[in-house]
C-alpha cells in the first residue's frame, strides 16, 4: 500500500491546550516544502505586535474576536474571517476575546 498524498487533522481545536491567561500558544499543524501551517491560540488581550512575514500568508480566524492591522488598515476579525497577505506586509493581531487562528505561509523560492 502506498503512502497517502494528503494530510488530515480531524479536530484542529484538539491540538491546542487550554490557553493560560496572558499567553499565546502555537502548534505546528503541517509543514512541507511549499506550506507551513500553524494554529495559534490567544488569551483575551494578548497581541502579536507589528511584524512581517517573508512569504505570502493567509489568516483564518476560527473563533473569537480580534483587531487585525494590515499595513495602514484596521479590520475587526471574528470567527470565519479569512485574510490573504502578500509577503512583507506589516501586520499585527490583538485578541479582544480568546482567539483561535490558523496561519498558512506559502513558501516561495
PDB file of N, CA and C in Angstrom:
ATOM      1  N   UNK A   1       0.840  -1.178   0.000  1.00  0.00           N
ATOM      2  CA  UNK A   1       0.000   0.000   0.000  1.00  0.00           C
ATOM      3  C   UNK A   1       0.887   1.245   0.000  1.00  0.00           C
ATOM      4  N   UNK A   2       0.550   2.223  -0.830  1.00  0.00           N
ATOM      5  CA  UNK A   2       1.377   3.426  -0.942  1.00  0.00           C
ATOM      6  C   UNK A   2       1.041   4.442   0.148  1.00  0.00           C
ATOM      7  N   UNK A   3       1.985   5.340   0.381  1.00  0.00           N
ATOM      8  CA  UNK A   3       1.785   6.417   1.348  1.00  0.00           C
ATOM      9  C   UNK A   3       0.720   7.378   0.830  1.00  0.00           C
ATOM     10  N   UNK A   4      -0.158   7.879   1.709  1.00  0.00           N
ATOM     11  CA  UNK A   4      -1.158   8.852   1.254  1.00  0.00           C
ATOM     12  C   UNK A   4      -0.482  10.152   0.818  1.00  0.00           C
ATOM     13  N   UNK A   5      -1.105  10.850  -0.107  1.00  0.00           N
ATOM     14  CA  UNK A   5      -0.573  12.120  -0.600  1.00  0.00           C
ATOM     15  C   UNK A   5      -1.375  13.284  -0.042  1.00  0.00           C
ATOM     16  N   UNK A   6      -1.966  13.093   1.106  1.00  0.00           N
ATOM     17  CA  UNK A   6      -2.771  14.131   1.726  1.00  0.00           C
ATOM     18  C   UNK A   6      -2.502  14.137   3.230  1.00  0.00           C
ATOM     19  N   UNK A   7      -2.988  15.207   3.864  1.00  0.00           N
ATOM     20  CA  UNK A   7      -2.862  15.310   5.320  1.00  0.00           C
ATOM     21  C   UNK A   7      -4.244  15.619   5.887  1.00  0.00           C
ATOM     22  N   UNK A   8      -4.569  15.026   7.011  1.00  0.00           N
ATOM     23  CA  UNK A   8      -5.866  15.228   7.646  1.00  0.00           C
ATOM     24  C   UNK A   8      -5.656  15.565   9.119  1.00  0.00           C
ATOM     25  N   UNK A   9      -6.360  16.587   9.590  1.00  0.00           N
ATOM     26  CA  UNK A   9      -6.461  16.880  11.016  1.00  0.00           C
ATOM     27  C   UNK A   9      -7.951  16.862  11.312  1.00  0.00           C
ATOM     28  N   UNK A  10      -8.381  15.889  12.075  1.00  0.00           N
ATOM     29  CA  UNK A  10      -9.809  15.724  12.314  1.00  0.00           C
ATOM     30  C   UNK A  10     -10.384  16.785  13.247  1.00  0.00           C
ATOM     31  N   UNK A  11      -9.553  17.344  14.141  1.00  0.00           N
ATOM     32  CA  UNK A  11     -10.053  18.327  15.092  1.00  0.00           C
ATOM     33  C   UNK A  11      -8.933  19.312  15.420  1.00  0.00           C
ATOM     34  N   UNK A  12      -8.894  20.445  14.721  1.00  0.00           N
ATOM     35  CA  UNK A  12      -7.848  21.433  14.959  1.00  0.00           C
ATOM     36  C   UNK A  12      -7.829  21.902  16.416  1.00  0.00           C
ATOM     37  N   UNK A  13      -8.998  22.140  16.983  1.00  0.00           N
ATOM     38  CA  UNK A  13      -9.066  22.661  18.352  1.00  0.00           C
ATOM     39  C   UNK A  13      -8.386  21.725  19.347  1.00  0.00           C
ATOM     40  N   UNK A  14      -8.401  20.433  19.075  1.00  0.00           N
ATOM     41  CA  UNK A  14      -7.784  19.469  19.980  1.00  0.00           C
ATOM     42  C   UNK A  14      -6.258  19.591  20.015  1.00  0.00           C
ATOM     43  N   UNK A  15      -5.675  20.270  19.039  1.00  0.00           N
ATOM     44  CA  UNK A  15      -4.224  20.454  19.008  1.00  0.00           C
ATOM     45  C   UNK A  15      -3.742  21.467  20.048  1.00  0.00           C
ATOM     46  N   UNK A  16      -4.636  22.365  20.454  1.00  0.00           N
ATOM     47  CA  UNK A  16      -4.253  23.399  21.415  1.00  0.00           C
ATOM     48  C   UNK A  16      -4.647  23.000  22.829  1.00  0.00           C
ATOM     49  N   UNK A  17      -3.764  23.236  23.773  1.00  0.00           N
ATOM     50  CA  UNK A  17      -4.137  23.021  25.170  1.00  0.00           C
ATOM     51  C   UNK A  17      -5.047  24.170  25.618  1.00  0.00           C
ATOM     52  N   UNK A  18      -5.487  24.114  26.839  1.00  0.00           N
ATOM     53  CA  UNK A  18      -6.184  25.259  27.423  1.00  0.00           C
ATOM     54  C   UNK A  18      -5.224  26.446  27.355  1.00  0.00           C
ATOM     55  N   UNK A  19      -5.710  27.603  26.909  1.00  0.00           N
ATOM     56  CA  UNK A  19      -4.841  28.772  26.759  1.00  0.00           C
ATOM     57  C   UNK A  19      -4.769  29.503  28.104  1.00  0.00           C
ATOM     58  N   UNK A  20      -3.600  29.517  28.746  1.00  0.00           N
ATOM     59  CA  UNK A  20      -3.480  30.221  30.020  1.00  0.00           C
ATOM     60  C   UNK A  20      -3.665  31.728  29.826  1.00  0.00           C
ATOM     61  N   UNK A  21      -4.122  32.416  30.862  1.00  0.00           N
ATOM     62  CA  UNK A  21      -4.225  33.876  30.823  1.00  0.00           C
ATOM     63  C   UNK A  21      -2.864  34.462  30.451  1.00  0.00           C
ATOM     64  N   UNK A  22      -2.904  35.557  29.733  1.00  0.00           N
ATOM     65  CA  UNK A  22      -1.699  36.289  29.349  1.00  0.00           C
ATOM     66  C   UNK A  22      -0.747  35.438  28.524  1.00  0.00           C
ATOM     67  N   UNK A  23      -1.314  34.599  27.624  1.00  0.00           N
ATOM     68  CA  UNK A  23      -0.464  33.707  26.826  1.00  0.00           C
ATOM     69  C   UNK A  23      -0.922  33.646  25.380  1.00  0.00           C
ATOM     70  N   UNK A  24       0.033  33.316  24.538  1.00  0.00           N
ATOM     71  CA  UNK A  24      -0.224  32.933  23.152  1.00  0.00           C
ATOM     72  C   UNK A  24       0.441  31.578  22.970  1.00  0.00           C
ATOM     73  N   UNK A  25      -0.326  30.609  22.475  1.00  0.00           N
ATOM     74  CA  UNK A  25       0.175  29.255  22.276  1.00  0.00           C
ATOM     75  C   UNK A  25       0.103  28.948  20.788  1.00  0.00           C
ATOM     76  N   UNK A  26       1.107  28.255  20.266  1.00  0.00           N
ATOM     77  CA  UNK A  26       1.070  27.857  18.856  1.00  0.00           C
ATOM     78  C   UNK A  26       1.458  26.393  18.723  1.00  0.00           C
ATOM     79  N   UNK A  27       0.891  25.760  17.702  1.00  0.00           N
ATOM     80  CA  UNK A  27       1.190  24.361  17.398  1.00  0.00           C
ATOM     81  C   UNK A  27       1.331  24.197  15.894  1.00  0.00           C
ATOM     82  N   UNK A  28       2.409  23.522  15.490  1.00  0.00           N
ATOM     83  CA  UNK A  28       2.580  23.220  14.068  1.00  0.00           C
ATOM     84  C   UNK A  28       1.518  22.206  13.659  1.00  0.00           C
ATOM     85  N   UNK A  29       0.811  22.504  12.575  1.00  0.00           N
ATOM     86  CA  UNK A  29      -0.212  21.614  12.045  1.00  0.00           C
ATOM     87  C   UNK A  29       0.344  20.812  10.884  1.00  0.00           C
ATOM     88  N   UNK A  30       1.113  21.489  10.025  1.00  0.00           N
ATOM     89  CA  UNK A  30       1.610  20.845   8.805  1.00  0.00           C
ATOM     90  C   UNK A  30       2.796  21.645   8.283  1.00  0.00           C
ATOM     91  N   UNK A  31       3.748  20.940   7.678  1.00  0.00           N
ATOM     92  CA  UNK A  31       4.900  21.614   7.093  1.00  0.00           C
ATOM     93  C   UNK A  31       5.471  20.754   5.980  1.00  0.00           C
ATOM     94  N   UNK A  32       5.693  21.371   4.832  1.00  0.00           N
ATOM     95  CA  UNK A  32       6.424  20.725   3.743  1.00  0.00           C
ATOM     96  C   UNK A  32       7.197  21.807   2.997  1.00  0.00           C
ATOM     97  N   UNK A  33       7.679  21.509   1.804  1.00  0.00           N
ATOM     98  CA  UNK A  33       8.486  22.475   1.059  1.00  0.00           C
ATOM     99  C   UNK A  33       7.680  23.664   0.549  1.00  0.00           C
ATOM    100  N   UNK A  34       6.345  23.562   0.528  1.00  0.00           N
ATOM    101  CA  UNK A  34       5.504  24.613  -0.031  1.00  0.00           C
ATOM    102  C   UNK A  34       4.633  25.340   0.987  1.00  0.00           C
ATOM    103  N   UNK A  35       4.249  24.650   2.064  1.00  0.00           N
ATOM    104  CA  UNK A  35       3.333  25.225   3.047  1.00  0.00           C
ATOM    105  C   UNK A  35       3.844  25.036   4.468  1.00  0.00           C
ATOM    106  N   UNK A  36       3.583  26.029   5.283  1.00  0.00           N
ATOM    107  CA  UNK A  36       3.822  25.953   6.725  1.00  0.00           C
ATOM    108  C   UNK A  36       2.514  26.389   7.383  1.00  0.00           C
ATOM    109  N   UNK A  37       1.877  25.482   8.125  1.00  0.00           N
ATOM    110  CA  UNK A  37       0.575  25.763   8.734  1.00  0.00           C
ATOM    111  C   UNK A  37       0.718  25.684  10.250  1.00  0.00           C
ATOM    112  N   UNK A  38       0.291  26.769  10.933  1.00  0.00           N
ATOM    113  CA  UNK A  38       0.414  26.855  12.383  1.00  0.00           C
ATOM    114  C   UNK A  38      -0.913  27.299  12.978  1.00  0.00           C
ATOM    115  N   UNK A  39      -1.321  26.649  14.061  1.00  0.00           N
ATOM    116  CA  UNK A  39      -2.530  27.012  14.789  1.00  0.00           C
ATOM    117  C   UNK A  39      -2.127  27.846  15.998  1.00  0.00           C
ATOM    118  N   UNK A  40      -2.770  29.003  16.160  1.00  0.00           N
ATOM    119  CA  UNK A  40      -2.494  29.896  17.284  1.00  0.00           C
ATOM    120  C   UNK A  40      -3.704  29.978  18.197  1.00  0.00           C
ATOM    121  N   UNK A  41      -3.451  30.022  19.487  1.00  0.00           N
ATOM    122  CA  UNK A  41      -4.470  30.317  20.484  1.00  0.00           C
ATOM    123  C   UNK A  41      -4.019  31.518  21.287  1.00  0.00           C
ATOM    124  N   UNK A  42      -4.847  32.549  21.333  1.00  0.00           N
ATOM    125  CA  UNK A  42      -4.544  33.783  22.058  1.00  0.00           C
ATOM    126  C   UNK A  42      -5.477  33.893  23.258  1.00  0.00           C
ATOM    127  N   UNK A  43      -4.954  34.210  24.422  1.00  0.00           N
ATOM    128  CA  UNK A  43      -5.805  34.602  25.540  1.00  0.00           C
ATOM    129  C   UNK A  43      -6.321  36.008  25.243  1.00  0.00           C
ATOM    130  N   UNK A  44      -7.476  36.344  25.785  1.00  0.00           N
ATOM    131  CA  UNK A  44      -8.030  37.685  25.593  1.00  0.00           C
ATOM    132  C   UNK A  44      -7.007  38.737  26.020  1.00  0.00           C
ATOM    133  N   UNK A  45      -6.859  39.770  25.191  1.00  0.00           N
ATOM    134  CA  UNK A  45      -5.939  40.864  25.499  1.00  0.00           C
ATOM    135  C   UNK A  45      -4.524  40.671  25.003  1.00  0.00           C
ATOM    136  N   UNK A  46      -4.194  39.483  24.509  1.00  0.00           N
ATOM    137  CA  UNK A  46      -2.831  39.231  24.029  1.00  0.00           C
ATOM    138  C   UNK A  46      -2.654  39.762  22.610  1.00  0.00           C
ATOM    139  N   UNK A  47      -1.401  40.073  22.260  1.00  0.00           N
ATOM    140  CA  UNK A  47      -1.131  40.709  20.969  1.00  0.00           C
ATOM    141  C   UNK A  47       0.158  40.177  20.344  1.00  0.00           C
ATOM    142  N   UNK A  48       0.092  39.942  19.035  1.00  0.00           N
ATOM    143  CA  UNK A  48       1.303  39.805  18.228  1.00  0.00           C
ATOM    144  C   UNK A  48       1.548  41.198  17.668  1.00  0.00           C
ATOM    145  N   UNK A  49       2.602  41.843  18.138  1.00  0.00           N
ATOM    146  CA  UNK A  49       2.873  43.206  17.700  1.00  0.00           C
ATOM    147  C   UNK A  49       3.283  43.223  16.231  1.00  0.00           C
ATOM    148  N   UNK A  50       3.329  44.408  15.673  1.00  0.00           N
ATOM    149  CA  UNK A  50       3.592  44.548  14.239  1.00  0.00           C
ATOM    150  C   UNK A  50       4.865  43.809  13.824  1.00  0.00           C
ATOM    151  N   UNK A  51       4.724  43.046  12.753  1.00  0.00           N
ATOM    152  CA  UNK A  51       5.836  42.291  12.185  1.00  0.00           C
ATOM    153  C   UNK A  51       5.516  42.022  10.716  1.00  0.00           C
ATOM    154  N   UNK A  52       6.432  41.383  10.022  1.00  0.00           N
ATOM    155  CA  UNK A  52       6.210  40.995   8.631  1.00  0.00           C
ATOM    156  C   UNK A  52       6.551  39.524   8.475  1.00  0.00           C
ATOM    157  N   UNK A  53       6.083  38.945   7.389  1.00  0.00           N
ATOM    158  CA  UNK A  53       6.422  37.561   7.061  1.00  0.00           C
ATOM    159  C   UNK A  53       7.190  37.566   5.742  1.00  0.00           C
ATOM    160  N   UNK A  54       8.141  36.686   5.615  1.00  0.00           N
ATOM    161  CA  UNK A  54       8.968  36.617   4.407  1.00  0.00           C
ATOM    162  C   UNK A  54       8.210  36.022   3.223  1.00  0.00           C
ATOM    163  N   UNK A  55       7.062  35.390   3.499  1.00  0.00           N
ATOM    164  CA  UNK A  55       6.289  34.713   2.460  1.00  0.00           C
ATOM    165  C   UNK A  55       4.835  35.182   2.492  1.00  0.00           C
ATOM    166  N   UNK A  56       4.097  35.005   1.398  1.00  0.00           N
ATOM    167  CA  UNK A  56       2.656  35.277   1.426  1.00  0.00           C
ATOM    168  C   UNK A  56       2.009  34.415   2.511  1.00  0.00           C
ATOM    169  N   UNK A  57       0.950  34.960   3.121  1.00  0.00           N
ATOM    170  CA  UNK A  57       0.314  34.262   4.232  1.00  0.00           C
ATOM    171  C   UNK A  57      -1.195  34.417   4.175  1.00  0.00           C
ATOM    172  N   UNK A  58      -1.882  33.440   4.764  1.00  0.00           N
ATOM    173  CA  UNK A  58      -3.317  33.578   4.991  1.00  0.00           C
ATOM    174  C   UNK A  58      -3.581  33.387   6.474  1.00  0.00           C
ATOM    175  N   UNK A  59      -4.554  34.147   6.972  1.00  0.00           N
ATOM    176  CA  UNK A  59      -5.023  34.031   8.339  1.00  0.00           C
ATOM    177  C   UNK A  59      -6.485  33.621   8.266  1.00  0.00           C
ATOM    178  N   UNK A  60      -6.858  32.606   9.019  1.00  0.00           N
ATOM    179  CA  UNK A  60      -8.247  32.175   9.103  1.00  0.00           C
ATOM    180  C   UNK A  60      -8.608  32.148  10.578  1.00  0.00           C
ATOM    181  N   UNK A  61      -9.530  33.021  10.963  1.00  0.00           N
ATOM    182  CA  UNK A  61      -9.959  33.102  12.363  1.00  0.00           C
ATOM    183  C   UNK A  61     -11.041  32.058  12.588  1.00  0.00           C
ATOM    184  N   UNK A  62     -10.774  31.124  13.491  1.00  0.00           N
ATOM    185  CA  UNK A  62     -11.680  30.015  13.755  1.00  0.00           C
ATOM    186  C   UNK A  62     -12.650  30.315  14.894  1.00  0.00           C
ATOM    187  N   UNK A  63     -12.205  31.123  15.855  1.00  0.00           N
ATOM    188  CA  UNK A  63     -13.073  31.517  16.962  1.00  0.00           C
ATOM    189  C   UNK A  63     -12.573  32.815  17.557  1.00  0.00           C
ATOM    190  N   UNK A  64     -13.471  33.519  18.243  1.00  0.00           N
ATOM    191  CA  UNK A  64     -13.109  34.739  18.944  1.00  0.00           C
ATOM    192  C   UNK A  64     -13.190  35.982  18.092  1.00  0.00           C
ATOM    193  N   UNK A  65     -12.745  37.086  18.691  1.00  0.00           N
ATOM    194  CA  UNK A  65     -12.748  38.392  18.038  1.00  0.00           C
ATOM    195  C   UNK A  65     -11.394  39.048  18.237  1.00  0.00           C
ATOM    196  N   UNK A  66     -10.903  39.687  17.162  1.00  0.00           N
ATOM    197  CA  UNK A  66      -9.588  40.323  17.216  1.00  0.00           C
ATOM    198  C   UNK A  66      -9.578  41.574  16.353  1.00  0.00           C
ATOM    199  N   UNK A  67      -8.666  42.468  16.681  1.00  0.00           N
ATOM    200  CA  UNK A  67      -8.398  43.622  15.835  1.00  0.00           C
ATOM    201  C   UNK A  67      -7.128  43.295  15.064  1.00  0.00           C
ATOM    202  N   UNK A  68      -7.224  43.347  13.758  1.00  0.00           N
ATOM    203  CA  UNK A  68      -6.128  42.994  12.865  1.00  0.00           C
ATOM    204  C   UNK A  68      -5.690  44.246  12.124  1.00  0.00           C
ATOM    205  N   UNK A  69      -4.398  44.546  12.172  1.00  0.00           N
ATOM    206  CA  UNK A  69      -3.855  45.662  11.413  1.00  0.00           C
ATOM    207  C   UNK A  69      -3.073  45.105  10.239  1.00  0.00           C
ATOM    208  N   UNK A  70      -3.418  45.583   9.046  1.00  0.00           N
ATOM    209  CA  UNK A  70      -2.763  45.181   7.800  1.00  0.00           C
ATOM    210  C   UNK A  70      -2.243  46.442   7.127  1.00  0.00           C
ATOM    211  N   UNK A  71      -0.935  46.677   7.226  1.00  0.00           N
ATOM    212  CA  UNK A  71      -0.400  47.930   6.705  1.00  0.00           C
ATOM    213  C   UNK A  71      -1.053  49.087   7.437  1.00  0.00           C
ATOM    214  N   UNK A  72      -1.726  49.980   6.705  1.00  0.00           N
ATOM    215  CA  UNK A  72      -2.399  51.144   7.286  1.00  0.00           C
ATOM    216  C   UNK A  72      -3.853  50.861   7.657  1.00  0.00           C
ATOM    217  N   UNK A  73      -4.371  49.675   7.338  1.00  0.00           N
ATOM    218  CA  UNK A  73      -5.782  49.353   7.553  1.00  0.00           C
ATOM    219  C   UNK A  73      -5.994  48.565   8.839  1.00  0.00           C
ATOM    220  N   UNK A  74      -7.144  48.803   9.468  1.00  0.00           N
ATOM    221  CA  UNK A  74      -7.546  48.057  10.658  1.00  0.00           C
ATOM    222  C   UNK A  74      -8.838  47.320  10.340  1.00  0.00           C
ATOM    223  N   UNK A  75      -8.877  46.041  10.682  1.00  0.00           N
ATOM    224  CA  UNK A  75     -10.020  45.184  10.395  1.00  0.00           C
ATOM    225  C   UNK A  75     -10.431  44.500  11.686  1.00  0.00           C
ATOM    226  N   UNK A  76     -11.734  44.415  11.914  1.00  0.00           N
ATOM    227  CA  UNK A  76     -12.254  43.655  13.048  1.00  0.00           C
ATOM    228  C   UNK A  76     -12.504  42.231  12.558  1.00  0.00           C
ATOM    229  N   UNK A  77     -11.763  41.286  13.092  1.00  0.00           N
ATOM    230  CA  UNK A  77     -11.866  39.884  12.679  1.00  0.00           C
ATOM    231  C   UNK A  77     -12.720  39.119  13.693  1.00  0.00           C
ATOM    232  N   UNK A  78     -13.397  38.108  13.189  1.00  0.00           N
ATOM    233  CA  UNK A  78     -14.218  37.232  14.031  1.00  0.00           C
ATOM    234  C   UNK A  78     -14.178  35.831  13.443  1.00  0.00           C
ATOM    235  N   UNK A  79     -14.823  34.883  14.100  1.00  0.00           N
ATOM    236  CA  UNK A  79     -14.868  33.518  13.575  1.00  0.00           C
ATOM    237  C   UNK A  79     -15.363  33.568  12.132  1.00  0.00           C
ATOM    238  N   UNK A  80     -14.592  32.982  11.228  1.00  0.00           N
ATOM    239  CA  UNK A  80     -14.938  32.967   9.815  1.00  0.00           C
ATOM    240  C   UNK A  80     -14.185  33.986   8.980  1.00  0.00           C
ATOM    241  N   UNK A  81     -13.533  34.960   9.610  1.00  0.00           N
ATOM    242  CA  UNK A  81     -12.759  35.940   8.844  1.00  0.00           C
ATOM    243  C   UNK A  81     -11.552  35.250   8.228  1.00  0.00           C
ATOM    244  N   UNK A  82     -11.308  35.545   6.950  1.00  0.00           N
ATOM    245  CA  UNK A  82     -10.197  34.966   6.197  1.00  0.00           C
ATOM    246  C   UNK A  82      -9.457  36.103   5.522  1.00  0.00           C
ATOM    247  N   UNK A  83      -8.129  36.113   5.634  1.00  0.00           N
ATOM    248  CA  UNK A  83      -7.306  37.203   5.105  1.00  0.00           C
ATOM    249  C   UNK A  83      -6.123  36.618   4.353  1.00  0.00           C
ATOM    250  N   UNK A  84      -5.835  37.145   3.164  1.00  0.00           N
ATOM    251  CA  UNK A  84      -4.628  36.791   2.418  1.00  0.00           C
ATOM    252  C   UNK A  84      -3.721  38.006   2.421  1.00  0.00           C
ATOM    253  N   UNK A  85      -2.447  37.804   2.721  1.00  0.00           N
ATOM    254  CA  UNK A  85      -1.488  38.910   2.785  1.00  0.00           C
ATOM    255  C   UNK A  85      -0.283  38.613   1.905  1.00  0.00           C
ATOM    256  N   UNK A  86       0.216  39.627   1.213  1.00  0.00           N
ATOM    257  CA  UNK A  86       1.463  39.428   0.474  1.00  0.00           C
ATOM    258  C   UNK A  86       2.647  39.385   1.446  1.00  0.00           C
ATOM    259  N   UNK A  87       3.750  38.878   0.980  1.00  0.00           N
ATOM    260  CA  UNK A  87       4.976  38.888   1.785  1.00  0.00           C
ATOM    261  C   UNK A  87       5.329  40.325   2.153  1.00  0.00           C
ATOM    262  N   UNK A  88       5.909  40.500   3.312  1.00  0.00           N
ATOM    263  CA  UNK A  88       6.475  41.764   3.797  1.00  0.00           C
ATOM    264  C   UNK A  88       5.444  42.818   4.178  1.00  0.00           C
ATOM    265  N   UNK A  89       4.153  42.475   4.245  1.00  0.00           N
ATOM    266  CA  UNK A  89       3.143  43.439   4.689  1.00  0.00           C
ATOM    267  C   UNK A  89       3.189  43.533   6.214  1.00  0.00           C
ATOM    268  N   UNK A  90       3.423  44.722   6.766  1.00  0.00           N
ATOM    269  CA  UNK A  90       3.385  44.855   8.223  1.00  0.00           C
ATOM    270  C   UNK A  90       1.980  44.525   8.727  1.00  0.00           C
ATOM    271  N   UNK A  91       1.906  43.726   9.794  1.00  0.00           N
ATOM    272  CA  UNK A  91       0.610  43.353  10.344  1.00  0.00           C
ATOM    273  C   UNK A  91       0.744  43.039  11.830  1.00  0.00           C
ATOM    274  N   UNK A  92      -0.392  43.119  12.533  1.00  0.00           N
ATOM    275  CA  UNK A  92      -0.437  42.775  13.951  1.00  0.00           C
ATOM    276  C   UNK A  92      -1.811  42.212  14.265  1.00  0.00           C
ATOM    277  N   UNK A  93      -1.896  41.481  15.382  1.00  0.00           N
ATOM    278  CA  UNK A  93      -3.142  40.864  15.827  1.00  0.00           C
ATOM    279  C   UNK A  93      -3.312  41.154  17.312  1.00  0.00           C
ATOM    280  N   UNK A  94      -4.473  41.726  17.681  1.00  0.00           N
ATOM    281  CA  UNK A  94      -4.815  41.975  19.083  1.00  0.00           C
ATOM    282  C   UNK A  94      -6.096  41.207  19.387  1.00  0.00           C
ATOM    283  N   UNK A  95      -6.020  40.251  20.297  1.00  0.00           N
ATOM    284  CA  UNK A  95      -7.174  39.432  20.662  1.00  0.00           C
ATOM    285  C   UNK A  95      -8.076  40.206  21.624  1.00  0.00           C
ATOM    286  N   UNK A  96      -9.297  40.482  21.199  1.00  0.00           N
ATOM    287  CA  UNK A  96     -10.278  41.143  22.071  1.00  0.00           C
ATOM    288  C   UNK A  96     -10.919  40.126  23.015  1.00  0.00           C
ATOM    289  N   UNK A  97     -11.070  38.900  22.535  1.00  0.00           N
ATOM    290  CA  UNK A  97     -11.550  37.767  23.328  1.00  0.00           C
ATOM    291  C   UNK A  97     -10.529  36.653  23.120  1.00  0.00           C
ATOM    292  N   UNK A  98     -10.742  35.504  23.708  1.00  0.00           N
ATOM    293  CA  UNK A  98      -9.899  34.352  23.378  1.00  0.00           C
ATOM    294  C   UNK A  98     -10.070  34.078  21.882  1.00  0.00           C
ATOM    295  N   UNK A  99      -8.973  33.827  21.185  1.00  0.00           N
ATOM    296  CA  UNK A  99      -8.981  33.676  19.723  1.00  0.00           C
ATOM    297  C   UNK A  99      -8.233  32.412  19.325  1.00  0.00           C
ATOM    298  N   UNK A 100      -8.780  31.722  18.341  1.00  0.00           N
ATOM    299  CA  UNK A 100      -8.072  30.629  17.672  1.00  0.00           C
ATOM    300  C   UNK A 100      -7.923  31.029  16.209  1.00  0.00           C
ATOM    301  N   UNK A 101      -6.693  30.969  15.691  1.00  0.00           N
ATOM    302  CA  UNK A 101      -6.396  31.432  14.341  1.00  0.00           C
ATOM    303  C   UNK A 101      -5.449  30.452  13.649  1.00  0.00           C
ATOM    304  N   UNK A 102      -5.727  30.165  12.402  1.00  0.00           N
ATOM    305  CA  UNK A 102      -4.879  29.296  11.597  1.00  0.00           C
ATOM    306  C   UNK A 102      -4.065  30.161  10.641  1.00  0.00           C
ATOM    307  N   UNK A 103      -2.751  30.013  10.687  1.00  0.00           N
ATOM    308  CA  UNK A 103      -1.824  30.741   9.808  1.00  0.00           C
ATOM    309  C   UNK A 103      -1.254  29.774   8.795  1.00  0.00           C
ATOM    310  N   UNK A 104      -1.314  30.141   7.522  1.00  0.00           N
ATOM    311  CA  UNK A 104      -0.699  29.352   6.457  1.00  0.00           C
ATOM    312  C   UNK A 104       0.292  30.224   5.711  1.00  0.00           C
ATOM    313  N   UNK A 105       1.553  29.830   5.709  1.00  0.00           N
ATOM    314  CA  UNK A 105       2.593  30.509   4.935  1.00  0.00           C
ATOM    315  C   UNK A 105       2.816  29.728   3.653  1.00  0.00           C
ATOM    316  N   UNK A 106       2.816  30.427   2.531  1.00  0.00           N
ATOM    317  CA  UNK A 106       3.075  29.818   1.239  1.00  0.00           C
ATOM    318  C   UNK A 106       4.540  30.079   0.901  1.00  0.00           C
ATOM    319  N   UNK A 107       5.343  29.040   0.948  1.00  0.00           N
ATOM    320  CA  UNK A 107       6.782  29.178   0.766  1.00  0.00           C
ATOM    321  C   UNK A 107       7.086  29.380  -0.719  1.00  0.00           C
ATOM    322  N   UNK A 108       7.773  30.478  -0.997  1.00  0.00           N
ATOM    323  CA  UNK A 108       8.207  30.752  -2.366  1.00  0.00           C
ATOM    324  C   UNK A 108       9.722  30.734  -2.396  1.00  0.00           C
ATOM    325  N   UNK A 109      10.256  30.372  -3.516  1.00  0.00           N
ATOM    326  CA  UNK A 109      11.720  30.276  -3.599  1.00  0.00           C
ATOM    327  C   UNK A 109      12.283  31.328  -4.498  1.00  0.00           C
TER     328      UNK A 109
END
